[in-house]
N, C-alpha and C. Protein backbone atom coordinates (compact mmCIF):
# COMPACT_ATOMS: atom_id res chain seq x y z
N MET A 1 -16.36 -3.06 18.17
CA MET A 1 -14.93 -3.42 18.12
C MET A 1 -14.44 -3.68 16.78
N GLU A 2 -13.38 -3.10 16.31
CA GLU A 2 -12.88 -3.32 15.05
C GLU A 2 -12.02 -4.57 14.97
N SER A 3 -12.23 -5.33 13.92
CA SER A 3 -11.40 -6.52 13.76
C SER A 3 -10.58 -6.26 12.44
N ILE A 4 -9.31 -6.29 12.52
CA ILE A 4 -8.39 -6.06 11.40
C ILE A 4 -7.51 -7.28 11.10
N LYS A 5 -7.61 -7.81 9.91
CA LYS A 5 -6.80 -8.96 9.51
C LYS A 5 -5.80 -8.47 8.41
N LEU A 6 -4.57 -8.39 8.70
CA LEU A 6 -3.50 -7.97 7.79
C LEU A 6 -3.31 -8.99 6.68
N ILE A 7 -3.34 -8.53 5.38
CA ILE A 7 -3.10 -9.42 4.26
C ILE A 7 -1.57 -9.19 3.82
N GLN A 8 -1.27 -8.01 3.49
CA GLN A 8 0.07 -7.79 2.94
C GLN A 8 0.54 -6.39 3.49
N LYS A 9 1.86 -6.29 3.72
CA LYS A 9 2.54 -5.06 4.09
C LYS A 9 3.62 -4.76 3.17
N ASN A 10 3.72 -3.52 2.81
CA ASN A 10 4.78 -3.12 1.89
C ASN A 10 5.95 -2.53 2.61
N ARG A 11 6.98 -3.48 2.79
CA ARG A 11 8.12 -3.13 3.73
C ARG A 11 9.06 -2.15 3.00
N LYS A 12 9.10 -2.22 1.72
CA LYS A 12 10.02 -1.35 0.86
C LYS A 12 9.49 0.05 0.78
N ALA A 13 8.28 0.41 1.15
CA ALA A 13 7.77 1.70 0.90
C ALA A 13 8.47 2.68 1.85
N TYR A 14 8.69 2.27 3.12
CA TYR A 14 9.39 3.21 4.08
C TYR A 14 10.88 3.42 3.74
N PHE A 15 11.42 2.43 3.01
CA PHE A 15 12.78 2.60 2.58
C PHE A 15 12.95 3.43 1.39
N ASN A 16 12.05 3.29 0.44
CA ASN A 16 12.18 4.04 -0.79
C ASN A 16 11.49 5.38 -0.87
N TYR A 17 10.59 5.66 0.18
CA TYR A 17 9.86 6.83 0.27
C TYR A 17 9.88 7.47 1.63
N GLU A 18 9.78 8.79 1.73
CA GLU A 18 9.55 9.45 2.88
C GLU A 18 8.13 9.72 3.00
N ILE A 19 7.44 9.03 3.88
CA ILE A 19 5.90 9.07 4.00
C ILE A 19 5.53 10.37 4.85
N ILE A 20 4.68 11.15 4.17
CA ILE A 20 4.26 12.44 4.87
C ILE A 20 2.97 12.22 5.59
N GLU A 21 1.98 11.72 4.80
CA GLU A 21 0.62 11.44 5.31
C GLU A 21 0.14 10.05 4.97
N LYS A 22 -0.90 9.57 5.82
CA LYS A 22 -1.38 8.20 5.54
C LYS A 22 -2.93 8.34 5.38
N TYR A 23 -3.54 7.56 4.47
CA TYR A 23 -4.91 7.59 4.16
C TYR A 23 -5.40 6.15 4.04
N GLU A 24 -6.70 5.94 4.36
CA GLU A 24 -7.27 4.63 4.22
C GLU A 24 -8.32 4.70 3.11
N ALA A 25 -8.34 3.68 2.21
CA ALA A 25 -9.27 3.68 1.16
C ALA A 25 -9.82 2.26 0.97
N GLY A 26 -11.08 2.19 0.49
CA GLY A 26 -11.66 0.88 0.07
C GLY A 26 -11.28 0.55 -1.29
N LEU A 27 -11.59 -0.76 -1.62
CA LEU A 27 -11.28 -1.27 -2.94
C LEU A 27 -12.46 -1.75 -3.58
N VAL A 28 -12.63 -1.52 -4.90
CA VAL A 28 -13.61 -2.18 -5.65
C VAL A 28 -13.11 -3.46 -6.31
N LEU A 29 -13.63 -4.62 -5.77
CA LEU A 29 -13.01 -5.89 -6.24
C LEU A 29 -14.14 -6.85 -6.77
N LYS A 30 -13.71 -7.88 -7.52
CA LYS A 30 -14.68 -8.84 -7.92
C LYS A 30 -14.64 -10.01 -6.83
N GLY A 31 -15.66 -10.87 -6.98
CA GLY A 31 -15.80 -11.91 -5.98
C GLY A 31 -14.59 -12.88 -5.84
N THR A 32 -13.95 -13.27 -6.95
CA THR A 32 -12.85 -14.19 -6.85
C THR A 32 -11.55 -13.44 -6.27
N GLU A 33 -11.56 -12.09 -6.52
CA GLU A 33 -10.40 -11.34 -5.94
C GLU A 33 -10.51 -11.34 -4.45
N VAL A 34 -11.72 -11.18 -3.85
CA VAL A 34 -11.89 -11.14 -2.42
C VAL A 34 -11.48 -12.49 -1.87
N LYS A 35 -11.95 -13.52 -2.54
CA LYS A 35 -11.48 -14.95 -2.06
C LYS A 35 -10.02 -15.07 -2.06
N SER A 36 -9.27 -14.61 -3.04
CA SER A 36 -7.89 -14.69 -3.12
C SER A 36 -7.23 -13.90 -2.01
N LEU A 37 -7.80 -12.73 -1.76
CA LEU A 37 -7.27 -11.86 -0.67
C LEU A 37 -7.44 -12.62 0.70
N ARG A 38 -8.54 -13.29 0.90
CA ARG A 38 -8.81 -14.04 2.03
C ARG A 38 -7.72 -15.11 2.38
N ASP A 39 -7.28 -15.67 1.18
CA ASP A 39 -6.19 -16.64 1.18
C ASP A 39 -4.84 -16.02 1.33
N GLY A 40 -4.73 -14.80 1.25
CA GLY A 40 -3.41 -13.98 1.30
C GLY A 40 -2.65 -14.00 0.08
N GLN A 41 -3.31 -14.16 -1.06
CA GLN A 41 -2.71 -14.18 -2.34
C GLN A 41 -2.64 -12.81 -2.98
N ALA A 42 -1.87 -11.97 -2.52
CA ALA A 42 -1.76 -10.62 -3.04
C ALA A 42 -0.44 -10.05 -2.89
N SER A 43 0.04 -9.12 -3.77
CA SER A 43 1.27 -8.46 -3.61
C SER A 43 1.13 -6.90 -3.86
N ILE A 44 1.58 -6.08 -3.05
CA ILE A 44 1.46 -4.61 -3.23
C ILE A 44 2.83 -4.00 -3.32
N ALA A 45 3.89 -4.89 -3.48
CA ALA A 45 5.26 -4.38 -3.53
C ALA A 45 5.60 -3.29 -4.59
N GLU A 46 5.10 -3.62 -5.81
CA GLU A 46 5.52 -2.73 -6.94
C GLU A 46 4.29 -1.89 -7.39
N SER A 47 3.29 -1.84 -6.57
CA SER A 47 2.01 -1.13 -6.94
C SER A 47 2.14 0.52 -6.49
N PHE A 48 1.24 1.21 -7.23
CA PHE A 48 1.18 2.58 -6.97
C PHE A 48 -0.26 3.13 -7.27
N ALA A 49 -0.64 4.23 -6.67
CA ALA A 49 -1.94 4.81 -6.97
C ALA A 49 -1.76 6.13 -7.80
N ARG A 50 -2.74 6.35 -8.66
CA ARG A 50 -2.69 7.53 -9.47
C ARG A 50 -4.10 8.02 -9.79
N PRO A 51 -4.33 9.34 -9.78
CA PRO A 51 -5.64 9.87 -10.11
C PRO A 51 -5.89 9.73 -11.58
N SER A 52 -7.20 9.54 -11.95
CA SER A 52 -7.62 9.45 -13.31
C SER A 52 -9.02 9.93 -13.44
N ARG A 53 -9.39 10.97 -14.09
CA ARG A 53 -10.63 11.61 -14.29
C ARG A 53 -11.32 11.77 -12.92
N GLY A 54 -10.72 12.34 -12.00
CA GLY A 54 -11.38 12.75 -10.73
C GLY A 54 -11.51 11.50 -9.79
N GLU A 55 -10.95 10.39 -10.11
CA GLU A 55 -11.00 9.19 -9.24
C GLU A 55 -9.61 8.62 -9.05
N LEU A 56 -9.44 7.82 -8.00
CA LEU A 56 -8.11 7.20 -7.75
C LEU A 56 -8.11 5.73 -8.13
N PHE A 57 -7.10 5.27 -8.77
CA PHE A 57 -7.00 3.93 -9.19
C PHE A 57 -5.62 3.39 -8.64
N ILE A 58 -5.57 2.07 -8.33
CA ILE A 58 -4.31 1.56 -7.91
C ILE A 58 -3.88 0.61 -9.03
N TYR A 59 -2.57 0.70 -9.42
CA TYR A 59 -2.03 0.03 -10.58
C TYR A 59 -0.98 -0.95 -10.14
N GLN A 60 -0.77 -2.02 -10.94
CA GLN A 60 0.17 -3.07 -10.61
C GLN A 60 0.10 -3.85 -9.30
N MET A 61 -1.07 -3.78 -8.77
CA MET A 61 -1.35 -4.59 -7.57
C MET A 61 -1.66 -5.95 -8.04
N ASP A 62 -0.98 -7.01 -7.59
CA ASP A 62 -1.16 -8.37 -8.07
C ASP A 62 -2.00 -9.14 -7.11
N ILE A 63 -3.23 -9.55 -7.52
CA ILE A 63 -4.12 -10.47 -6.73
C ILE A 63 -4.17 -11.71 -7.59
N SER A 64 -3.57 -12.79 -7.08
CA SER A 64 -3.55 -14.10 -7.92
C SER A 64 -4.94 -14.60 -8.09
N PRO A 65 -5.17 -15.30 -9.18
CA PRO A 65 -6.45 -15.90 -9.49
C PRO A 65 -6.79 -16.87 -8.33
N TYR A 66 -8.05 -17.00 -8.02
CA TYR A 66 -8.55 -17.96 -7.07
C TYR A 66 -8.41 -19.33 -7.44
N LYS A 67 -7.74 -20.18 -6.70
CA LYS A 67 -7.42 -21.47 -7.13
C LYS A 67 -8.62 -22.42 -7.33
N CYS A 68 -9.74 -22.18 -6.65
CA CYS A 68 -10.95 -23.05 -6.80
C CYS A 68 -12.00 -22.33 -7.71
N GLY A 69 -11.63 -21.27 -8.29
CA GLY A 69 -12.63 -20.53 -9.12
C GLY A 69 -12.47 -20.85 -10.49
N PRO A 70 -13.22 -20.22 -11.49
CA PRO A 70 -13.07 -20.42 -12.80
C PRO A 70 -11.73 -20.10 -13.46
N VAL A 71 -11.44 -20.71 -14.46
CA VAL A 71 -10.03 -20.48 -15.05
C VAL A 71 -9.83 -18.95 -15.47
N ASP A 72 -10.77 -18.32 -16.02
CA ASP A 72 -10.68 -16.97 -16.52
C ASP A 72 -11.36 -16.02 -15.51
N SER A 73 -11.04 -16.13 -14.23
CA SER A 73 -11.85 -15.31 -13.22
C SER A 73 -11.53 -13.80 -13.32
N HIS A 74 -10.23 -13.36 -13.23
CA HIS A 74 -9.94 -11.93 -13.35
C HIS A 74 -8.53 -11.77 -13.73
N ASN A 75 -8.18 -10.63 -14.25
CA ASN A 75 -6.87 -10.22 -14.66
C ASN A 75 -6.05 -9.88 -13.33
N PRO A 76 -4.92 -10.54 -13.05
CA PRO A 76 -4.29 -10.32 -11.78
C PRO A 76 -3.78 -8.95 -11.53
N LYS A 77 -3.39 -8.25 -12.62
CA LYS A 77 -2.78 -6.84 -12.41
C LYS A 77 -3.60 -5.73 -13.01
N ARG A 78 -5.02 -5.97 -13.06
CA ARG A 78 -5.87 -4.95 -13.58
C ARG A 78 -5.90 -3.69 -12.66
N PRO A 79 -6.14 -2.52 -13.25
CA PRO A 79 -6.28 -1.30 -12.31
C PRO A 79 -7.55 -1.50 -11.48
N ARG A 80 -7.47 -1.12 -10.23
CA ARG A 80 -8.62 -1.23 -9.35
C ARG A 80 -8.96 0.21 -8.73
N LYS A 81 -10.25 0.46 -8.81
CA LYS A 81 -10.72 1.73 -8.24
C LYS A 81 -10.68 1.71 -6.73
N LEU A 82 -10.26 2.92 -6.17
CA LEU A 82 -10.16 3.16 -4.78
C LEU A 82 -11.34 3.93 -4.29
N LEU A 83 -11.89 3.58 -3.25
CA LEU A 83 -13.03 4.33 -2.66
C LEU A 83 -12.67 5.24 -1.57
N MET A 84 -12.84 6.50 -1.70
CA MET A 84 -12.63 7.54 -0.73
C MET A 84 -13.58 8.69 -0.87
N ARG A 85 -13.69 9.53 0.11
CA ARG A 85 -14.53 10.65 0.01
C ARG A 85 -14.06 11.62 -1.05
N LYS A 86 -15.00 12.38 -1.65
CA LYS A 86 -14.65 13.19 -2.75
C LYS A 86 -13.64 14.31 -2.34
N GLY A 87 -13.85 14.89 -1.20
CA GLY A 87 -12.94 15.90 -0.58
C GLY A 87 -11.49 15.38 -0.44
N GLU A 88 -11.38 14.15 0.05
CA GLU A 88 -10.00 13.59 0.31
C GLU A 88 -9.35 13.37 -1.15
N ILE A 89 -10.17 12.81 -1.98
CA ILE A 89 -9.63 12.55 -3.39
C ILE A 89 -9.18 13.91 -4.00
N ASN A 90 -9.91 14.93 -3.94
CA ASN A 90 -9.53 16.20 -4.52
C ASN A 90 -8.28 16.71 -3.89
N ARG A 91 -8.16 16.61 -2.54
CA ARG A 91 -7.02 17.09 -1.80
C ARG A 91 -5.76 16.32 -2.24
N LEU A 92 -5.88 14.95 -2.32
CA LEU A 92 -4.73 14.13 -2.79
C LEU A 92 -4.37 14.46 -4.18
N ILE A 93 -5.29 14.65 -5.16
CA ILE A 93 -5.00 14.93 -6.54
C ILE A 93 -4.24 16.29 -6.63
N GLY A 94 -4.62 17.27 -5.77
CA GLY A 94 -3.91 18.51 -5.71
C GLY A 94 -2.49 18.38 -5.29
N LYS A 95 -2.33 17.56 -4.22
CA LYS A 95 -0.94 17.37 -3.63
C LYS A 95 -0.04 16.58 -4.64
N VAL A 96 -0.60 15.56 -5.27
CA VAL A 96 0.18 14.77 -6.22
C VAL A 96 0.59 15.64 -7.37
N GLN A 97 -0.31 16.44 -7.95
CA GLN A 97 0.02 17.21 -9.12
C GLN A 97 0.90 18.42 -8.78
N GLU A 98 0.60 19.02 -7.69
CA GLU A 98 1.28 20.29 -7.29
C GLU A 98 2.79 20.10 -6.85
N ARG A 99 2.92 19.12 -5.89
CA ARG A 99 4.18 18.97 -5.25
C ARG A 99 5.07 17.76 -5.89
N GLY A 100 4.39 17.02 -6.75
CA GLY A 100 5.17 15.92 -7.27
C GLY A 100 5.31 14.72 -6.24
N LEU A 101 4.31 14.54 -5.43
CA LEU A 101 4.39 13.48 -4.48
C LEU A 101 3.76 12.23 -5.10
N THR A 102 3.95 11.07 -4.43
CA THR A 102 3.51 9.78 -4.95
C THR A 102 2.61 9.15 -3.94
N LEU A 103 1.54 8.40 -4.41
CA LEU A 103 0.71 7.68 -3.53
C LEU A 103 1.18 6.17 -3.52
N VAL A 104 1.69 5.76 -2.44
CA VAL A 104 2.27 4.47 -2.31
C VAL A 104 1.46 3.64 -1.40
N PRO A 105 1.01 2.41 -1.71
CA PRO A 105 0.32 1.54 -0.84
C PRO A 105 1.23 1.07 0.28
N LEU A 106 0.76 1.17 1.50
CA LEU A 106 1.62 0.72 2.71
C LEU A 106 1.25 -0.61 3.22
N SER A 107 -0.18 -0.88 3.25
CA SER A 107 -0.63 -2.20 3.74
C SER A 107 -2.07 -2.45 3.11
N LEU A 108 -2.28 -3.77 3.06
CA LEU A 108 -3.57 -4.26 2.53
C LEU A 108 -4.18 -5.15 3.62
N TYR A 109 -5.43 -4.92 3.96
CA TYR A 109 -6.07 -5.57 5.12
C TYR A 109 -7.53 -5.66 5.03
N PHE A 110 -8.22 -6.51 5.81
CA PHE A 110 -9.56 -6.47 5.96
C PHE A 110 -10.00 -5.86 7.24
N LYS A 111 -10.85 -4.92 7.23
CA LYS A 111 -11.39 -4.21 8.38
C LYS A 111 -12.93 -4.40 8.45
N ASN A 112 -13.30 -5.18 9.50
CA ASN A 112 -14.69 -5.49 9.64
C ASN A 112 -15.26 -6.17 8.39
N GLY A 113 -14.49 -7.03 7.75
CA GLY A 113 -14.93 -7.80 6.63
C GLY A 113 -14.81 -7.11 5.31
N LEU A 114 -14.38 -5.79 5.28
CA LEU A 114 -14.16 -5.06 4.04
C LEU A 114 -12.69 -4.88 3.74
N ALA A 115 -12.33 -5.09 2.45
CA ALA A 115 -11.04 -4.89 1.94
C ALA A 115 -10.60 -3.47 2.01
N LYS A 116 -9.52 -3.17 2.67
CA LYS A 116 -9.06 -1.71 2.74
C LYS A 116 -7.57 -1.71 2.38
N ILE A 117 -7.07 -0.56 1.90
CA ILE A 117 -5.77 -0.34 1.69
C ILE A 117 -5.26 0.95 2.34
N GLU A 118 -4.06 0.92 2.92
CA GLU A 118 -3.52 2.15 3.54
C GLU A 118 -2.56 2.78 2.50
N LEU A 119 -2.84 3.96 2.13
CA LEU A 119 -2.00 4.74 1.19
C LEU A 119 -1.15 5.75 1.93
N GLY A 120 0.10 5.87 1.48
CA GLY A 120 0.97 6.84 2.08
C GLY A 120 1.35 7.96 1.02
N LEU A 121 1.22 9.08 1.32
CA LEU A 121 1.56 10.26 0.44
C LEU A 121 3.04 10.46 0.65
N GLY A 122 3.85 10.12 -0.29
CA GLY A 122 5.33 10.18 -0.01
C GLY A 122 6.08 10.82 -1.05
N ARG A 123 7.31 11.12 -0.77
CA ARG A 123 8.31 11.70 -1.61
C ARG A 123 9.46 10.79 -1.75
N GLY A 124 9.85 10.49 -2.97
CA GLY A 124 10.97 9.55 -3.23
C GLY A 124 12.28 9.89 -2.53
N LYS A 125 12.92 8.94 -1.96
CA LYS A 125 14.21 9.18 -1.36
C LYS A 125 15.25 9.14 -2.38
N LYS A 126 16.34 9.93 -2.15
CA LYS A 126 17.55 9.78 -3.03
C LYS A 126 18.38 8.80 -2.43
N LEU A 127 19.42 8.34 -3.20
CA LEU A 127 20.36 7.38 -2.77
C LEU A 127 21.03 7.67 -1.42
N TYR A 128 21.46 8.92 -1.31
CA TYR A 128 22.11 9.18 -0.04
C TYR A 128 21.12 9.19 1.24
N ASP A 129 19.87 9.46 0.94
CA ASP A 129 18.89 9.29 1.99
C ASP A 129 18.76 7.87 2.48
N LYS A 130 18.81 6.91 1.39
CA LYS A 130 18.65 5.52 1.73
C LYS A 130 19.86 4.97 2.52
N ARG A 131 21.06 5.51 2.14
CA ARG A 131 22.20 5.14 2.89
C ARG A 131 22.15 5.60 4.36
N GLU A 132 21.59 6.82 4.53
CA GLU A 132 21.48 7.37 5.89
C GLU A 132 20.45 6.53 6.67
N THR A 133 19.36 6.04 6.06
CA THR A 133 18.47 5.11 6.73
C THR A 133 19.13 3.88 7.18
N ILE A 134 19.94 3.27 6.24
CA ILE A 134 20.68 1.99 6.66
C ILE A 134 21.60 2.31 7.77
N LYS A 135 22.30 3.37 7.78
CA LYS A 135 23.17 3.67 8.90
C LYS A 135 22.47 3.84 10.23
N LYS A 136 21.31 4.57 10.24
CA LYS A 136 20.51 4.69 11.44
C LYS A 136 20.05 3.33 11.96
N ARG A 137 19.64 2.40 11.01
CA ARG A 137 19.20 1.06 11.45
C ARG A 137 20.25 0.30 12.06
N ILE A 138 21.50 0.36 11.51
CA ILE A 138 22.63 -0.39 12.03
C ILE A 138 23.00 0.19 13.45
N ILE A 139 22.97 1.53 13.57
CA ILE A 139 23.34 2.06 14.95
C ILE A 139 22.26 1.71 15.92
N ARG A 140 20.94 1.69 15.58
CA ARG A 140 19.89 1.35 16.51
C ARG A 140 20.03 -0.16 16.93
N ARG A 141 20.42 -0.97 16.00
CA ARG A 141 20.60 -2.45 16.35
C ARG A 141 21.77 -2.55 17.32
N GLU A 142 22.87 -1.83 17.15
CA GLU A 142 24.01 -2.04 17.96
C GLU A 142 23.68 -1.51 19.40
N ILE A 143 22.96 -0.38 19.48
CA ILE A 143 22.52 0.12 20.72
C ILE A 143 21.61 -0.92 21.48
N GLU A 144 20.69 -1.51 20.77
CA GLU A 144 19.85 -2.51 21.44
C GLU A 144 20.62 -3.75 21.87
N ARG A 145 21.64 -4.17 21.12
CA ARG A 145 22.47 -5.34 21.48
C ARG A 145 23.21 -5.00 22.76
N SER A 146 23.79 -3.73 22.80
CA SER A 146 24.57 -3.34 23.94
C SER A 146 23.75 -3.24 25.27
N MET A 147 22.44 -2.81 25.04
CA MET A 147 21.49 -2.69 26.17
C MET A 147 21.13 -4.13 26.69
N ARG A 148 21.02 -5.04 25.76
CA ARG A 148 20.61 -6.44 26.26
C ARG A 148 21.78 -7.10 27.02
N ARG A 149 22.96 -6.76 26.60
CA ARG A 149 24.16 -7.41 27.28
C ARG A 149 24.25 -6.92 28.76
N LYS A 150 23.88 -5.66 29.02
CA LYS A 150 24.02 -5.07 30.30
C LYS A 150 23.02 -5.43 31.26
């Protein structure tokens, strides 16, 4: 039985990007980073993943220093290596370079005690797409309100 503990969810990802595919990847972390994650001290809001020399790295992911650890435990915004199968990495690298897509982190969680990150292969939305998303959300809310009243 899988046990999943959600640490952080990127709510803005679905608003700013049209997510085409989702992938799960492991993270290479230091000990104090894992302890900070267990405390929920992480932010993936402005982070992104990018290939580098045949490997995937996540940039700008903020994991706060562990409060009970040493003063100079780790750099909060250092690039972290993502663990995926070689075939998946090559496929993602091809899609990112060929079509101009972006790898956006959607959620960060523990799965069976291991830190995992869910990546979305997405295309950036234009301003008019975002306005359309807002209109759909407002219409859906109004429909739900009218259904509750009846």
